[in-house]
Amino acid sequence: MDHFLNMAPWGLALLQALLYAALGPLLVGWVRKVKARLQNRRGAPIIQPYRDLWKLFAKEARVAHTASPVFRSAPYIVFVATWLAAATIPLVATNLPTAAIADIIALVGLLALARFFLALVGMDVGTAFGGMGASREMLVSALAEPAMLVAVFSLAMTAHSTNLASVVEYHLNSGLVLRPSFLFALGGLLLVALAETGRIPVDNPATHLELTMIHEAMLLEYSGRHLGLMEWAAQIKLVLYGTLIVNIFFPWGIAQSLTPVALGVGLAAIVTKLLILGAALAVAETVLAKMRLFRVSAFLNLSLLLSLLGLLSHIILEVGA
């Protein structure tokens, strides 16, 4: 009995990781559905991304004759690294065994590993579009990663820990406190999330125009299960950033115990918050247009500025006081 009770938290941690993989296509389908309604279209069913993944995994993967073994192994590395990065973020509960590795540095490192291989395969085959997409991806990441680190560090300084589970629990226990540093950090992290997930106004995931795409340009040579893994990893990354935003800045509802009632409330809370965030994303993508690539740097500089203002606000108003 004691052995079963000791293994139960690890089973819940595995279920939470599987939930990330399951929610990725659902969130993408929800955003597409809301955008279609806002544009007076019927739109595809919400479960359409699941059907697309099933179709891709059923097809044969074709590989260019100039591709190296890195090209064949990169989809698995990108998917596993993105999935592990998502699994480190508390989704339904905070006191799971994976909370010990839920560190900001580990999160950024896993995302950087996935991005490195994604850019590497863009240049591996030798096509012009792949190299163009890889260079653009590195431009975005070089500006987005510092902004993300500064934004989350401003929250970590408040909780005196870089562990995400500890940060969430601290904000839950401290109650509703309006801090200027949180508002600046939230603005910076929102801009970073739009850039890192390839959403409008930085990138358009629904287009394949060679002169405008960033993420899609690196995937043009993939097909079959390889393309399915890459698409699935991008969907998990969207849930990752959505969970990071709603569970750090709006942590109410997340379970602090492993009782069935608390876990049920936590699951309902995260699904509701992600649906609201997805609807807001759909509205933003409907009213905004994709910006030119040369303006992306200014967009990400704004996110870094907001994150720095959040960090300075914390130092001046809280630490200085």
C-alpha atoms as a PDB file:
ATOM      1  CA  MET A   1       0.000   0.000   0.000  1.00  0.00           C
ATOM      2  CA  ASP A   2       2.803   2.390   0.907  1.00  0.00           C
ATOM      3  CA  HIS A   3       4.561   1.586  -2.358  1.00  0.00           C
ATOM      4  CA  PHE A   4       1.380   2.414  -4.271  1.00  0.00           C
ATOM      5  CA  LEU A   5       1.003   5.721  -2.441  1.00  0.00           C
ATOM      6  CA  ASN A   6       4.613   6.602  -3.223  1.00  0.00           C
ATOM      7  CA  MET A   7       4.129   5.831  -6.913  1.00  0.00           C
ATOM      8  CA  ALA A   8       0.821   7.703  -7.195  1.00  0.00           C
ATOM      9  CA  PRO A   9       2.416  11.193  -7.420  1.00  0.00           C
ATOM     10  CA  TRP A  10       4.668  10.007 -10.235  1.00  0.00           C
ATOM     11  CA  GLY A  11       1.632   8.654 -12.059  1.00  0.00           C
ATOM     12  CA  LEU A  12      -0.043  12.041 -11.709  1.00  0.00           C
ATOM     13  CA  ALA A  13       3.105  13.730 -12.984  1.00  0.00           C
ATOM     14  CA  LEU A  14       3.028  11.457 -16.044  1.00  0.00           C
ATOM     15  CA  LEU A  15      -0.648  12.229 -16.595  1.00  0.00           C
ATOM     16  CA  GLN A  16       0.113  15.941 -16.386  1.00  0.00           C
ATOM     17  CA  ALA A  17       2.819  15.552 -19.029  1.00  0.00           C
ATOM     18  CA  LEU A  18       0.419  13.601 -21.252  1.00  0.00           C
ATOM     19  CA  LEU A  19      -2.169  16.319 -20.711  1.00  0.00           C
ATOM     20  CA  TYR A  20       0.229  18.851 -22.217  1.00  0.00           C
ATOM     21  CA  ALA A  21       0.516  16.711 -25.339  1.00  0.00           C
ATOM     22  CA  ALA A  22      -3.267  16.297 -25.526  1.00  0.00           C
ATOM     23  CA  LEU A  23      -4.112  19.969 -24.973  1.00  0.00           C
ATOM     24  CA  GLY A  24      -1.762  21.242 -27.702  1.00  0.00           C
ATOM     25  CA  PRO A  25      -3.917  20.371 -30.736  1.00  0.00           C
ATOM     26  CA  LEU A  26      -7.076  21.283 -28.817  1.00  0.00           C
ATOM     27  CA  LEU A  27      -5.871  24.817 -28.069  1.00  0.00           C
ATOM     28  CA  VAL A  28      -4.830  25.339 -31.689  1.00  0.00           C
ATOM     29  CA  GLY A  29      -8.232  24.096 -32.875  1.00  0.00           C
ATOM     30  CA  TRP A  30      -9.986  26.416 -30.412  1.00  0.00           C
ATOM     31  CA  VAL A  31      -8.034  29.459 -31.632  1.00  0.00           C
ATOM     32  CA  ARG A  32      -8.806  28.633 -35.253  1.00  0.00           C
ATOM     33  CA  LYS A  33     -12.493  28.149 -34.472  1.00  0.00           C
ATOM     34  CA  VAL A  34     -12.807  31.482 -32.661  1.00  0.00           C
ATOM     35  CA  LYS A  35     -10.963  33.264 -35.490  1.00  0.00           C
ATOM     36  CA  ALA A  36     -13.324  31.728 -38.026  1.00  0.00           C
ATOM     37  CA  ARG A  37     -16.375  32.883 -36.051  1.00  0.00           C
ATOM     38  CA  LEU A  38     -14.946  36.398 -35.760  1.00  0.00           C
ATOM     39  CA  GLN A  39     -14.505  36.435 -39.543  1.00  0.00           C
ATOM     40  CA  ASN A  40     -18.080  35.214 -40.153  1.00  0.00           C
ATOM     41  CA  ARG A  41     -16.904  31.786 -41.253  1.00  0.00           C
ATOM     42  CA  ARG A  42     -17.990  28.400 -40.014  1.00  0.00           C
ATOM     43  CA  GLY A  43     -14.460  27.104 -39.665  1.00  0.00           C
ATOM     44  CA  ALA A  44     -13.129  23.588 -39.181  1.00  0.00           C
ATOM     45  CA  PRO A  45     -14.090  21.508 -36.128  1.00  0.00           C
ATOM     46  CA  ILE A  46     -12.063  22.079 -32.969  1.00  0.00           C
ATOM     47  CA  ILE A  47     -10.693  18.534 -33.223  1.00  0.00           C
ATOM     48  CA  GLN A  48      -9.341  19.113 -36.746  1.00  0.00           C
ATOM     49  CA  PRO A  49      -5.684  19.401 -35.543  1.00  0.00           C
ATOM     50  CA  TYR A  50      -5.991  15.865 -34.121  1.00  0.00           C
ATOM     51  CA  ARG A  51      -7.146  14.629 -37.525  1.00  0.00           C
ATOM     52  CA  ASP A  52      -4.278  16.428 -39.245  1.00  0.00           C
ATOM     53  CA  LEU A  53      -1.741  14.810 -36.920  1.00  0.00           C
ATOM     54  CA  TRP A  54      -3.311  11.386 -37.470  1.00  0.00           C
ATOM     55  CA  LYS A  55      -3.088  11.893 -41.232  1.00  0.00           C
ATOM     56  CA  LEU A  56       0.560  12.962 -41.065  1.00  0.00           C
ATOM     57  CA  PHE A  57       1.591  10.038 -38.867  1.00  0.00           C
ATOM     58  CA  ALA A  58      -0.099   7.647 -41.282  1.00  0.00           C
ATOM     59  CA  LYS A  59       1.892   8.947 -44.256  1.00  0.00           C
ATOM     60  CA  GLU A  60       5.345   7.893 -45.324  1.00  0.00           C
ATOM     61  CA  ALA A  61       8.192  10.225 -44.389  1.00  0.00           C
ATOM     62  CA  ARG A  62      10.168  11.284 -47.444  1.00  0.00           C
ATOM     63  CA  VAL A  63      13.721  12.577 -46.928  1.00  0.00           C
ATOM     64  CA  ALA A  64      15.847  14.561 -49.379  1.00  0.00           C
ATOM     65  CA  HIS A  65      18.937  12.766 -50.676  1.00  0.00           C
ATOM     66  CA  THR A  66      21.134  15.635 -49.416  1.00  0.00           C
ATOM     67  CA  ALA A  67      19.825  15.311 -45.843  1.00  0.00           C
ATOM     68  CA  SER A  68      22.149  14.164 -43.059  1.00  0.00           C
ATOM     69  CA  PRO A  69      21.228  11.967 -40.053  1.00  0.00           C
ATOM     70  CA  VAL A  70      20.616  15.183 -38.116  1.00  0.00           C
ATOM     71  CA  PHE A  71      17.670  15.903 -40.398  1.00  0.00           C
ATOM     72  CA  ARG A  72      16.085  12.528 -39.569  1.00  0.00           C
ATOM     73  CA  SER A  73      16.664  12.696 -35.809  1.00  0.00           C
ATOM     74  CA  ALA A  74      15.818  16.374 -35.270  1.00  0.00           C
ATOM     75  CA  PRO A  75      11.994  15.938 -35.183  1.00  0.00           C
ATOM     76  CA  TYR A  76      12.283  13.509 -32.280  1.00  0.00           C
ATOM     77  CA  ILE A  77      14.755  15.737 -30.423  1.00  0.00           C
ATOM     78  CA  VAL A  78      12.619  18.854 -30.941  1.00  0.00           C
ATOM     79  CA  PHE A  79       9.455  17.096 -29.828  1.00  0.00           C
ATOM     80  CA  VAL A  80      10.984  15.489 -26.718  1.00  0.00           C
ATOM     81  CA  ALA A  81      12.785  18.693 -25.661  1.00  0.00           C
ATOM     82  CA  THR A  82       9.631  20.785 -26.055  1.00  0.00           C
ATOM     83  CA  TRP A  83       7.519  18.215 -24.245  1.00  0.00           C
ATOM     84  CA  LEU A  84       9.981  17.973 -21.349  1.00  0.00           C
ATOM     85  CA  ALA A  85      10.107  21.759 -21.121  1.00  0.00           C
ATOM     86  CA  ALA A  86       6.319  21.848 -20.880  1.00  0.00           C
ATOM     87  CA  ALA A  87       6.273  19.058 -18.295  1.00  0.00           C
ATOM     88  CA  THR A  88       8.426  21.149 -15.952  1.00  0.00           C
ATOM     89  CA  ILE A  89       5.711  23.828 -15.668  1.00  0.00           C
ATOM     90  CA  PRO A  90       2.960  23.129 -13.101  1.00  0.00           C
ATOM     91  CA  LEU A  91      -0.249  22.585 -15.045  1.00  0.00           C
ATOM     92  CA  VAL A  92      -2.836  21.143 -12.648  1.00  0.00           C
ATOM     93  CA  ALA A  93      -0.924  20.787  -9.363  1.00  0.00           C
ATOM     94  CA  THR A  94       2.206  22.315  -7.832  1.00  0.00           C
ATOM     95  CA  ASN A  95       3.482  19.612  -5.464  1.00  0.00           C
ATOM     96  CA  LEU A  96       4.153  16.849  -7.965  1.00  0.00           C
ATOM     97  CA  PRO A  97       7.579  15.129  -8.073  1.00  0.00           C
ATOM     98  CA  THR A  98       8.461  17.054 -11.261  1.00  0.00           C
ATOM     99  CA  ALA A  99       8.249  20.296  -9.264  1.00  0.00           C
ATOM    100  CA  ALA A 100      11.855  19.701  -8.191  1.00  0.00           C
ATOM    101  CA  ILE A 101      13.062  20.251 -11.789  1.00  0.00           C
ATOM    102  CA  ALA A 102      10.592  23.040 -12.604  1.00  0.00           C
ATOM    103  CA  ASP A 103      13.379  25.619 -12.808  1.00  0.00           C
ATOM    104  CA  ILE A 104      13.446  28.625 -15.096  1.00  0.00           C
ATOM    105  CA  ILE A 105      16.983  27.878 -16.267  1.00  0.00           C
ATOM    106  CA  ALA A 106      16.066  24.279 -17.158  1.00  0.00           C
ATOM    107  CA  LEU A 107      12.981  25.500 -19.037  1.00  0.00           C
ATOM    108  CA  VAL A 108      14.935  28.006 -21.131  1.00  0.00           C
ATOM    109  CA  GLY A 109      17.695  25.448 -21.760  1.00  0.00           C
ATOM    110  CA  LEU A 110      15.293  22.829 -23.107  1.00  0.00           C
ATOM    111  CA  LEU A 111      13.584  25.377 -25.353  1.00  0.00           C
ATOM    112  CA  ALA A 112      16.986  26.535 -26.618  1.00  0.00           C
ATOM    113  CA  LEU A 113      17.926  22.917 -27.408  1.00  0.00           C
ATOM    114  CA  ALA A 114      14.783  22.459 -29.482  1.00  0.00           C
ATOM    115  CA  ARG A 115      15.343  25.761 -31.262  1.00  0.00           C
ATOM    116  CA  PHE A 116      18.970  24.881 -32.034  1.00  0.00           C
ATOM    117  CA  PHE A 117      18.038  21.660 -33.801  1.00  0.00           C
ATOM    118  CA  LEU A 118      15.121  23.351 -35.545  1.00  0.00           C
ATOM    119  CA  ALA A 119      17.446  25.971 -37.014  1.00  0.00           C
ATOM    120  CA  LEU A 120      20.058  23.324 -37.782  1.00  0.00           C
ATOM    121  CA  VAL A 121      17.714  21.270 -39.952  1.00  0.00           C
ATOM    122  CA  GLY A 122      16.619  24.419 -41.739  1.00  0.00           C
ATOM    123  CA  MET A 123      20.160  24.686 -43.099  1.00  0.00           C
ATOM    124  CA  ASP A 124      20.866  20.953 -43.380  1.00  0.00           C
ATOM    125  CA  VAL A 125      19.220  20.213 -46.718  1.00  0.00           C
ATOM    126  CA  GLY A 126      20.701  23.302 -48.333  1.00  0.00           C
ATOM    127  CA  THR A 127      17.559  24.993 -49.646  1.00  0.00           C
ATOM    128  CA  ALA A 128      17.332  28.772 -49.710  1.00  0.00           C
ATOM    129  CA  PHE A 129      14.053  28.891 -47.813  1.00  0.00           C
ATOM    130  CA  GLY A 130      15.346  26.699 -44.993  1.00  0.00           C
ATOM    131  CA  GLY A 131      18.415  28.860 -44.464  1.00  0.00           C
ATOM    132  CA  MET A 132      16.299  31.994 -44.575  1.00  0.00           C
ATOM    133  CA  GLY A 133      13.910  30.629 -41.958  1.00  0.00           C
ATOM    134  CA  ALA A 134      16.795  29.489 -39.733  1.00  0.00           C
ATOM    135  CA  SER A 135      18.426  32.924 -39.779  1.00  0.00           C
ATOM    136  CA  ARG A 136      15.117  34.585 -38.951  1.00  0.00           C
ATOM    137  CA  GLU A 137      14.482  32.107 -36.137  1.00  0.00           C
ATOM    138  CA  MET A 138      17.870  32.911 -34.602  1.00  0.00           C
ATOM    139  CA  LEU A 139      17.115  36.621 -34.847  1.00  0.00           C
ATOM    140  CA  VAL A 140      13.859  36.168 -32.966  1.00  0.00           C
ATOM    141  CA  SER A 141      15.375  33.893 -30.328  1.00  0.00           C
ATOM    142  CA  ALA A 142      18.353  36.189 -29.694  1.00  0.00           C
ATOM    143  CA  LEU A 143      15.961  38.988 -28.759  1.00  0.00           C
ATOM    144  CA  ALA A 144      13.186  36.948 -27.147  1.00  0.00           C
ATOM    145  CA  GLU A 145      15.195  34.797 -24.732  1.00  0.00           C
ATOM    146  CA  PRO A 146      16.659  37.710 -22.717  1.00  0.00           C
ATOM    147  CA  ALA A 147      13.236  39.319 -22.449  1.00  0.00           C
ATOM    148  CA  MET A 148      11.704  36.064 -21.224  1.00  0.00           C
ATOM    149  CA  LEU A 149      14.447  35.513 -18.652  1.00  0.00           C
ATOM    150  CA  VAL A 150      14.195  39.048 -17.280  1.00  0.00           C
ATOM    151  CA  ALA A 151      10.383  38.869 -17.095  1.00  0.00           C
ATOM    152  CA  VAL A 152      10.361  35.601 -15.175  1.00  0.00           C
ATOM    153  CA  PHE A 153      13.310  36.631 -12.982  1.00  0.00           C
ATOM    154  CA  SER A 154      11.346  39.660 -11.798  1.00  0.00           C
ATOM    155  CA  LEU A 155       8.728  37.219 -10.491  1.00  0.00           C
ATOM    156  CA  ALA A 156      11.377  34.877  -9.112  1.00  0.00           C
ATOM    157  CA  MET A 157      12.900  37.698  -7.090  1.00  0.00           C
ATOM    158  CA  THR A 158       9.552  38.247  -5.410  1.00  0.00           C
ATOM    159  CA  ALA A 159       9.301  34.567  -4.434  1.00  0.00           C
ATOM    160  CA  HIS A 160      13.081  34.311  -3.729  1.00  0.00           C
ATOM    161  CA  SER A 161      13.281  31.209  -5.932  1.00  0.00           C
ATOM    162  CA  THR A 162      13.750  30.326  -9.598  1.00  0.00           C
ATOM    163  CA  ASN A 163      11.605  27.222  -9.145  1.00  0.00           C
ATOM    164  CA  LEU A 164       8.314  27.730 -10.980  1.00  0.00           C
ATOM    165  CA  ALA A 165       6.306  25.635  -8.511  1.00  0.00           C
ATOM    166  CA  SER A 166       7.643  27.737  -5.627  1.00  0.00           C
ATOM    167  CA  VAL A 167       6.791  30.942  -7.502  1.00  0.00           C
ATOM    168  CA  VAL A 168       3.218  29.773  -8.112  1.00  0.00           C
ATOM    169  CA  GLU A 169       2.747  28.699  -4.492  1.00  0.00           C
ATOM    170  CA  TYR A 170       4.153  32.000  -3.218  1.00  0.00           C
ATOM    171  CA  HIS A 171       1.711  34.005  -5.304  1.00  0.00           C
ATOM    172  CA  LEU A 172      -1.153  31.798  -4.179  1.00  0.00           C
ATOM    173  CA  ASN A 173      -0.299  32.221  -0.518  1.00  0.00           C
ATOM    174  CA  SER A 174       0.323  35.969  -0.769  1.00  0.00           C
ATOM    175  CA  GLY A 175      -3.138  36.585  -2.211  1.00  0.00           C
ATOM    176  CA  LEU A 176      -4.185  39.240  -4.723  1.00  0.00           C
ATOM    177  CA  VAL A 177      -1.508  41.940  -4.639  1.00  0.00           C
ATOM    178  CA  LEU A 178      -1.271  44.501  -7.438  1.00  0.00           C
ATOM    179  CA  ARG A 179       2.413  45.017  -8.188  1.00  0.00           C
ATOM    180  CA  PRO A 180       3.685  47.272 -11.015  1.00  0.00           C
ATOM    181  CA  SER A 181       6.509  44.781 -11.617  1.00  0.00           C
ATOM    182  CA  PHE A 182       3.945  42.072 -12.385  1.00  0.00           C
ATOM    183  CA  LEU A 183       2.143  44.234 -14.926  1.00  0.00           C
ATOM    184  CA  PHE A 184       5.361  45.082 -16.778  1.00  0.00           C
ATOM    185  CA  ALA A 185       6.532  41.472 -16.662  1.00  0.00           C
ATOM    186  CA  LEU A 186       3.162  40.267 -17.949  1.00  0.00           C
ATOM    187  CA  GLY A 187       3.335  42.659 -20.905  1.00  0.00           C
ATOM    188  CA  GLY A 188       6.874  41.586 -21.743  1.00  0.00           C
ATOM    189  CA  LEU A 189       6.074  37.880 -21.484  1.00  0.00           C
ATOM    190  CA  LEU A 190       2.982  38.233 -23.672  1.00  0.00           C
ATOM    191  CA  LEU A 191       5.038  39.808 -26.455  1.00  0.00           C
ATOM    192  CA  VAL A 192       7.687  37.107 -26.108  1.00  0.00           C
ATOM    193  CA  ALA A 193       5.025  34.380 -26.279  1.00  0.00           C
ATOM    194  CA  LEU A 194       3.660  35.784 -29.554  1.00  0.00           C
ATOM    195  CA  ALA A 195       7.144  35.763 -31.074  1.00  0.00           C
ATOM    196  CA  GLU A 196       8.249  32.379 -29.746  1.00  0.00           C
ATOM    197  CA  THR A 197       5.096  30.583 -30.845  1.00  0.00           C
ATOM    198  CA  GLY A 198       5.104  32.174 -34.298  1.00  0.00           C
ATOM    199  CA  ARG A 199       1.802  34.006 -34.008  1.00  0.00           C
ATOM    200  CA  ILE A 200       0.623  37.267 -35.559  1.00  0.00           C
ATOM    201  CA  PRO A 201       2.035  39.975 -35.668  1.00  0.00           C
ATOM    202  CA  VAL A 202       5.488  38.313 -35.720  1.00  0.00           C
ATOM    203  CA  ASP A 203       4.674  35.292 -37.902  1.00  0.00           C
ATOM    204  CA  ASN A 204       1.588  33.786 -39.483  1.00  0.00           C
ATOM    205  CA  PRO A 205       1.232  30.012 -38.935  1.00  0.00           C
ATOM    206  CA  ALA A 206      -1.479  29.788 -41.592  1.00  0.00           C
ATOM    207  CA  THR A 207       0.624  31.009 -44.521  1.00  0.00           C
ATOM    208  CA  HIS A 208       3.292  29.447 -46.722  1.00  0.00           C
ATOM    209  CA  LEU A 209       4.446  32.617 -48.476  1.00  0.00           C
ATOM    210  CA  GLU A 210       8.211  32.235 -48.739  1.00  0.00           C
ATOM    211  CA  LEU A 211       9.014  35.892 -48.173  1.00  0.00           C
ATOM    212  CA  THR A 212       7.071  36.185 -44.916  1.00  0.00           C
ATOM    213  CA  MET A 213       7.259  32.882 -43.044  1.00  0.00           C
ATOM    214  CA  ILE A 214       9.759  32.066 -40.295  1.00  0.00           C
ATOM    215  CA  HIS A 215       8.851  28.791 -38.606  1.00  0.00           C
ATOM    216  CA  GLU A 216       7.214  27.195 -41.634  1.00  0.00           C
ATOM    217  CA  ALA A 217      10.245  27.894 -43.840  1.00  0.00           C
ATOM    218  CA  MET A 218      12.332  25.432 -41.817  1.00  0.00           C
ATOM    219  CA  LEU A 219       9.747  22.659 -42.207  1.00  0.00           C
ATOM    220  CA  LEU A 220       9.215  22.738 -45.971  1.00  0.00           C
ATOM    221  CA  GLU A 221      11.356  19.645 -46.545  1.00  0.00           C
ATOM    222  CA  TYR A 222       9.587  17.538 -43.913  1.00  0.00           C
ATOM    223  CA  SER A 223       6.689  15.173 -44.529  1.00  0.00           C
ATOM    224  CA  GLY A 224       4.845  12.332 -42.878  1.00  0.00           C
ATOM    225  CA  ARG A 225       5.568  11.551 -39.232  1.00  0.00           C
ATOM    226  CA  HIS A 226       8.533  13.932 -39.191  1.00  0.00           C
ATOM    227  CA  LEU A 227       6.295  16.855 -40.089  1.00  0.00           C
ATOM    228  CA  GLY A 228       3.691  15.604 -37.621  1.00  0.00           C
ATOM    229  CA  LEU A 229       6.203  15.652 -34.769  1.00  0.00           C
ATOM    230  CA  MET A 230       7.309  19.165 -35.657  1.00  0.00           C
ATOM    231  CA  GLU A 231       3.727  20.425 -35.830  1.00  0.00           C
ATOM    232  CA  TRP A 232       2.851  18.696 -32.563  1.00  0.00           C
ATOM    233  CA  ALA A 233       5.878  20.247 -30.852  1.00  0.00           C
ATOM    234  CA  ALA A 234       4.771  23.710 -32.013  1.00  0.00           C
ATOM    235  CA  GLN A 235       1.295  23.076 -30.585  1.00  0.00           C
ATOM    236  CA  ILE A 236       2.741  21.949 -27.249  1.00  0.00           C
ATOM    237  CA  LYS A 237       4.885  25.082 -27.197  1.00  0.00           C
ATOM    238  CA  LEU A 238       1.751  27.219 -27.505  1.00  0.00           C
ATOM    239  CA  VAL A 239       0.238  25.458 -24.472  1.00  0.00           C
ATOM    240  CA  LEU A 240       3.578  25.845 -22.659  1.00  0.00           C
ATOM    241  CA  TYR A 241       3.591  29.616 -22.969  1.00  0.00           C
ATOM    242  CA  GLY A 242      -0.115  29.845 -22.247  1.00  0.00           C
ATOM    243  CA  THR A 243       0.294  27.814 -19.048  1.00  0.00           C
ATOM    244  CA  LEU A 244       3.349  29.824 -18.041  1.00  0.00           C
ATOM    245  CA  ILE A 245       1.356  33.034 -18.320  1.00  0.00           C
ATOM    246  CA  VAL A 246      -1.894  31.982 -16.662  1.00  0.00           C
ATOM    247  CA  ASN A 247      -0.411  29.877 -13.858  1.00  0.00           C
ATOM    248  CA  ILE A 248       2.220  32.415 -12.804  1.00  0.00           C
ATOM    249  CA  PHE A 249       0.215  35.622 -13.098  1.00  0.00           C
ATOM    250  CA  PHE A 250      -3.227  34.100 -12.428  1.00  0.00           C
ATOM    251  CA  PRO A 251      -2.509  30.973 -10.355  1.00  0.00           C
ATOM    252  CA  TRP A 252      -5.908  30.707  -8.686  1.00  0.00           C
ATOM    253  CA  GLY A 253      -7.464  27.280  -8.955  1.00  0.00           C
ATOM    254  CA  ILE A 254      -4.286  25.241  -9.308  1.00  0.00           C
ATOM    255  CA  ALA A 255      -4.197  22.297  -6.883  1.00  0.00           C
ATOM    256  CA  GLN A 256      -1.857  22.460  -3.894  1.00  0.00           C
ATOM    257  CA  SER A 257      -2.811  18.953  -2.748  1.00  0.00           C
ATOM    258  CA  LEU A 258      -3.298  15.666  -4.572  1.00  0.00           C
ATOM    259  CA  THR A 259      -6.893  15.028  -3.489  1.00  0.00           C
ATOM    260  CA  PRO A 260      -9.381  14.191  -6.267  1.00  0.00           C
ATOM    261  CA  VAL A 261     -11.420  17.340  -5.581  1.00  0.00           C
ATOM    262  CA  ALA A 262      -8.395  19.630  -5.733  1.00  0.00           C
ATOM    263  CA  LEU A 263      -7.121  17.979  -8.911  1.00  0.00           C
ATOM    264  CA  GLY A 264     -10.546  18.270 -10.531  1.00  0.00           C
ATOM    265  CA  VAL A 265     -10.733  21.962  -9.669  1.00  0.00           C
ATOM    266  CA  GLY A 266      -7.196  22.456 -10.963  1.00  0.00           C
ATOM    267  CA  LEU A 267      -8.007  20.753 -14.258  1.00  0.00           C
ATOM    268  CA  ALA A 268     -11.175  22.804 -14.724  1.00  0.00           C
ATOM    269  CA  ALA A 269      -9.300  26.000 -13.844  1.00  0.00           C
ATOM    270  CA  ILE A 270      -6.453  25.496 -16.315  1.00  0.00           C
ATOM    271  CA  VAL A 271      -8.797  24.511 -19.145  1.00  0.00           C
ATOM    272  CA  THR A 272     -10.938  27.591 -18.511  1.00  0.00           C
ATOM    273  CA  LYS A 273      -7.943  29.923 -18.361  1.00  0.00           C
ATOM    274  CA  LEU A 274      -6.451  28.492 -21.548  1.00  0.00           C
ATOM    275  CA  LEU A 275      -9.781  28.842 -23.365  1.00  0.00           C
ATOM    276  CA  ILE A 276      -9.979  32.502 -22.329  1.00  0.00           C
ATOM    277  CA  LEU A 277      -6.370  33.104 -23.358  1.00  0.00           C
ATOM    278  CA  GLY A 278      -6.957  31.319 -26.667  1.00  0.00           C
ATOM    279  CA  ALA A 279     -10.004  33.468 -27.382  1.00  0.00           C
ATOM    280  CA  ALA A 280      -7.983  36.608 -26.616  1.00  0.00           C
ATOM    281  CA  LEU A 281      -5.269  35.393 -28.994  1.00  0.00           C
ATOM    282  CA  ALA A 282      -7.853  34.825 -31.721  1.00  0.00           C
ATOM    283  CA  VAL A 283      -9.212  38.358 -31.262  1.00  0.00           C
ATOM    284  CA  ALA A 284      -5.698  39.832 -31.401  1.00  0.00           C
ATOM    285  CA  GLU A 285      -4.846  37.906 -34.588  1.00  0.00           C
ATOM    286  CA  THR A 286      -8.091  39.065 -36.181  1.00  0.00           C
ATOM    287  CA  VAL A 287      -7.583  42.786 -35.545  1.00  0.00           C
ATOM    288  CA  LEU A 288      -3.792  42.854 -36.076  1.00  0.00           C
ATOM    289  CA  ALA A 289      -1.799  42.415 -39.262  1.00  0.00           C
ATOM    290  CA  LYS A 290       1.565  40.721 -39.633  1.00  0.00           C
ATOM    291  CA  MET A 291       4.385  43.210 -39.347  1.00  0.00           C
ATOM    292  CA  ARG A 292       7.413  43.383 -41.612  1.00  0.00           C
ATOM    293  CA  LEU A 293      10.416  41.353 -40.562  1.00  0.00           C
ATOM    294  CA  PHE A 294      12.494  44.490 -40.023  1.00  0.00           C
ATOM    295  CA  ARG A 295      10.037  45.648 -37.361  1.00  0.00           C
ATOM    296  CA  VAL A 296      10.224  42.423 -35.358  1.00  0.00           C
ATOM    297  CA  SER A 297      13.390  43.590 -33.631  1.00  0.00           C
ATOM    298  CA  ALA A 298      11.626  46.730 -32.400  1.00  0.00           C
ATOM    299  CA  PHE A 299       8.699  44.587 -31.239  1.00  0.00           C
ATOM    300  CA  LEU A 300      11.003  42.327 -29.206  1.00  0.00           C
ATOM    301  CA  ASN A 301      13.005  45.292 -27.916  1.00  0.00           C
ATOM    302  CA  LEU A 302       9.736  46.568 -26.482  1.00  0.00           C
ATOM    303  CA  SER A 303       9.229  43.250 -24.700  1.00  0.00           C
ATOM    304  CA  LEU A 304      12.745  43.471 -23.245  1.00  0.00           C
ATOM    305  CA  LEU A 305      12.077  47.059 -22.154  1.00  0.00           C
ATOM    306  CA  LEU A 306       8.852  46.049 -20.392  1.00  0.00           C
ATOM    307  CA  SER A 307      10.624  43.158 -18.669  1.00  0.00           C
ATOM    308  CA  LEU A 308      13.447  45.437 -17.531  1.00  0.00           C
ATOM    309  CA  LEU A 309      10.929  47.959 -16.215  1.00  0.00           C
ATOM    310  CA  GLY A 310       9.305  45.146 -14.257  1.00  0.00           C
ATOM    311  CA  LEU A 311      12.641  44.124 -12.760  1.00  0.00           C
ATOM    312  CA  LEU A 312      13.560  47.723 -11.897  1.00  0.00           C
ATOM    313  CA  SER A 313      10.107  48.320 -10.415  1.00  0.00           C
ATOM    314  CA  HIS A 314      10.584  45.357  -8.118  1.00  0.00           C
ATOM    315  CA  ILE A 315      14.042  46.545  -7.042  1.00  0.00           C
ATOM    316  CA  ILE A 316      12.986  50.157  -6.452  1.00  0.00           C
ATOM    317  CA  LEU A 317       9.537  49.709  -4.947  1.00  0.00           C
ATOM    318  CA  GLU A 318       9.944  46.445  -3.010  1.00  0.00           C
ATOM    319  CA  VAL A 319      13.599  45.757  -2.369  1.00  0.00           C
ATOM    320  CA  GLY A 320      14.454  49.440  -1.900  1.00  0.00           C
ATOM    321  CA  ALA A 321      11.543  49.946   0.475  1.00  0.00           C
END
